[in-house]
Structure formats: structure tokens, C-alpha cells
Amino acid sequence: MTKTWFRIGLVSIFLLSLAVRFWGLDRFNTLVFDEVYYAKFGNNYLTHVSFFDGHPPLGKLIIALGIWLGSHVPFWHDSVNGLTGSLRSPWDYRWINAFLGSFIPLLNAGIAYQLSSRRSFALIAGLFTAVDGIFIVESRYALINIYIVLFGLLGHWLFLLALNHQKQKRKLFLIISGIAFGCSIATKWNGLFFLAGVYCLWIFAWLWQIIGRKINHYEEINQQAASPLQKLTQLYAWQIILFLGIIPLTVYSLIWIPHLQLDTKYGFIEVHKQILAFHERLGGNNAQVHPYCAAWYKWPLLIRPMAYYYKTAQTTTEPLPVFGPDLPGNAGKIIYDVHAMGNPFLWWFAVAAMLFLLGMLIVSVVMFWRQQKRFTLPKNFTVDTWIALYLVVNYATNLVPWMRVSRCAFIYHYMTAVVFAFLAIAWFVDQCLRSYYRPLQAIGVALSLIILAAFVFWLPIYLGLPLTNEGYRLRMWFNSWI
């Protein structure tokens, strides 16, 4: 694939992302799901109204920036409401999420390319990320989960760029990477899991080198031909502490300044105690606390997605039912549903691909030991082994911590992990398509077509398009989805 076609592919993915996020963005002239918090909080920054929220302030500050910029645009104000505390158009508090959320597929494509230098892998990763439902839904409303992922992936992409460069460029990429990780954590605390993945890989690389030296007594390899693990060990502890420790912490602390100046009730330390207490009060992870509570093990198989908006109407021509009470049960012939639900086949194939990569890692190590007939460690990783290690470690660091969380959790908490699963299925499909074995090529094509067809089939519940009762039920395959 030439550079020109690669760039055309990336631009096409970005345009697709923009289209599905911006089309009909003001369809619901109301506050959808947690917009009742975050759109209001963003407006509060502009109107100087103090408030408390259970998360750090960056996501709301970005929404505030979007509202301020949107209010100075002389169009897209056909519909307005006062639900944020000021007279605002839905475009005002949604457009910046839609715009910035469109970059997430490109970041996943960038990570894929930095891991492998394969343009086909990068384009497939970007396309699969662009056709996932929960990222579309979260980007179309004034919510903050996309910013955890956006800045977390940006931090990873810049970190991989740093590994692939030397000297001053490496330092520059590490500095910006640390800033991005700090921004992810300053959106929600679980943004820390993205940074934890980098630390785990770095620690693994050093342990691998130290143990390998003791076992194999091999000499240092020329740094110019270094494998990814050797590149990781070129980063010393002081660099990790400075660039990926002190810088993220500094950025995180500085982002709090505007909020603490607005709300002087709590200082920096006390507000963190209040946030921790807020999450501890959320109760157990069951339907009695919230009907859409879903434990971590329900996320990968998409057992319990969430309805962010659900209204019924008699016809598609009457005004959208955004105000007033719902129609009586079974009275509505048209359903408007916004479901925070991933692309089902993408998610199911992705978790299978992640398990495949984990198995591949285990088998490769066992086979190496059998060939050597003694306990030893390979000096180098192949590109595909490095990809498998990178994806498995980062997927685990973004999912495993939730296993010990007892508070009510939701499907959107899986967004930080599932982006790495998207890379896993993209890698698998790319391997199939690049194979000379025709049946494997057919598998790669079939998986891609199924994922794309699923995107088109479930698109109405991502965009909140009008559906008949039959059309709605046709897309709700399981009772737990409703």
C-alpha cells in the first residue's frame, strides 16, 4: 500500500467518524443521560456557579470551552433550551465532543502503525474503531468518557513514537505523552490505567533483560537494531519518574486550578477526599442500586448495555418527545432509542482475538523452551509477539482493576480496555488478509463484512433514529439489552 492510499484511507475514516457523530446532533433538544450533570457543569464554569462533581474537572472544562465557542457561532441555533441553566442550543454543548471524539479512530490507527509499521493493520484498526457504537454515542452527547480514552490513546501513541526515536525527539515525545496521560487522569481517575499499562511494559522489559542476562549471559545488542523490549530498557528510572510521573501529576494538579478558584468550599486535598467518599457511597454493583449496573465480567460479551434515551411517539412527523411525560405503555408506535452499546460482533470477535493473542504468547514461550530444551529467555521478540504483549498488558491493566471494584459500574467503564481489543481483532483480520492461504483470506473478509454489516444494522439505536416496535425489538436480541 502506497503512502498516498494510506493517507486517503485515514482521511476517509476521519470523515466517516465526523459524519456519524455530527449528523442530527441536535435531534433531541434536551439533556440526554449524564448531560444533566456534565452539560450543566460546563455551563456553570461560564456562569461562575460553584458545584461539586465526583470526577476531576477536565472533561467539564472542555465542554465549557465548546459551549463558549458554540455560542459565538452565528448558526446551528434553530433549537434552544434552558436546561443547562442558560439558553443554549444542543449543538453548543455537544459539538466539541463530536469533533474530538472523531480523532479516536485515528489514534488507534496511529498506535497500530507504531507497533507494526504495517499500513493495512493501521487502517483496519482505525476503521473498526470508527464503526463501534458506544464511542459514537458517547461522542454525540456532552459526556466525558471519550476524553479519558482520547488522552489515554494520545499518551500511548506519543510513547510509542518516543520509543521509535532517539535523543531530543524521544524526550519531546515523552514530555507530551506525560501531559496527555495527566489529562486522561484529570478527566476521570481510571485514566490512570492507561499510564499503568506503560509502567507494566517498562517493568516487564527490565525484568526480562535482568533475568535473561543471568540465564543466558548474552552481550548487549546494538541499540540501533534494538527490539521493542530493548528500546523500553533504554528508558531509565529517572526518565520514567520525570516524564511519566512528575509531569502527569503536575498537569493533573494544574487542571484543578480553575475549579478550585470557582468552588472555594474544598481545598485540593479535601476535594479528593470528597470524591472518594462520593464513589464509596454509590453502593453495590446490582440492579437494586441502578437498573443498568453491570459487573466487569458482563462487559466483554456485551451482556448489559445502557439506554441513554428512550421515548415513544405516535408518528415520525410529530415533534420529537423530549419534553413532558412518556406516552402510556404500548401507546407509542414509534420508538426513539439511544443505546450505549458496542458493535456486538466487533466486541465478540475482539475478545476472542484478545484470548487468541494471550494463547499465542503462552505457546510461543513454551515452544521456545522446548526447542532450547532448557529454561532460557529469547533475546528478541518478533513484531507480532511484541504486538500481542502490548495489547494483552494494556487490555489487562484497564480491565483487571475493575474486578475488585464493588461500587455500581456501567458498560462505559469498559471503553478504556475495549480500544485495545479493537486492535487485537484488527491484527487478526490483517494477518488473515495478508496470508497466502485462501481460506484465511476468506475468514478475514468475512469478519470485516460482518462487523461493517452490524454497524449499519445497529446504527439507528446509536443515532436515535425513529424505529417501529418491530424494528426496535429486532435489534434487542436479548432481554438484558433492554
Foldseek 3Di string as FASTA:
>chain_A
DDPVVLVVLLVVLLVLLLCLQPVCLQQFQAAWFCCLPLVLLLVCLVVLNADADLFFDLLSVQLVVQLVVVVPDPDPPPDWDCSSVRTGGQCSRQVSLSNLLSCLLVLLLLLQCLLFVDSLLSSLLSNLVSLKQLSSQCSSHSDQLSLLSSLLSQLSSLCSVLLVDDDPSNLVSLQVSQLSLLRNCSSGVLSVLSLVLLVVLLVVLVVQVVVQCVVPVDDDDDPVPDASSVSSPVQDPVSCCVSNNVSSVVSSVVSNVSNCVSPVPDDPVRSNVVSVVVQVPQAFQDVVSPVQFDALVCQLQQLAWDWRDKAFAADPPDRDPNDDDGDPPPPGFKMFTAISTTLNLLSNLLVVLLVVLVVVLVVVLVVVCVVVVHDHHDPHDDSSNSLSSSLNSSLCSQRVVSNPDGGGDHNSSNVSNVSSSSSSSSVQLVVLCPDPDVVSVVVSVVSVVSSVVSSVLCSCNSSRNMDGPVSVVVNCPDPSHD
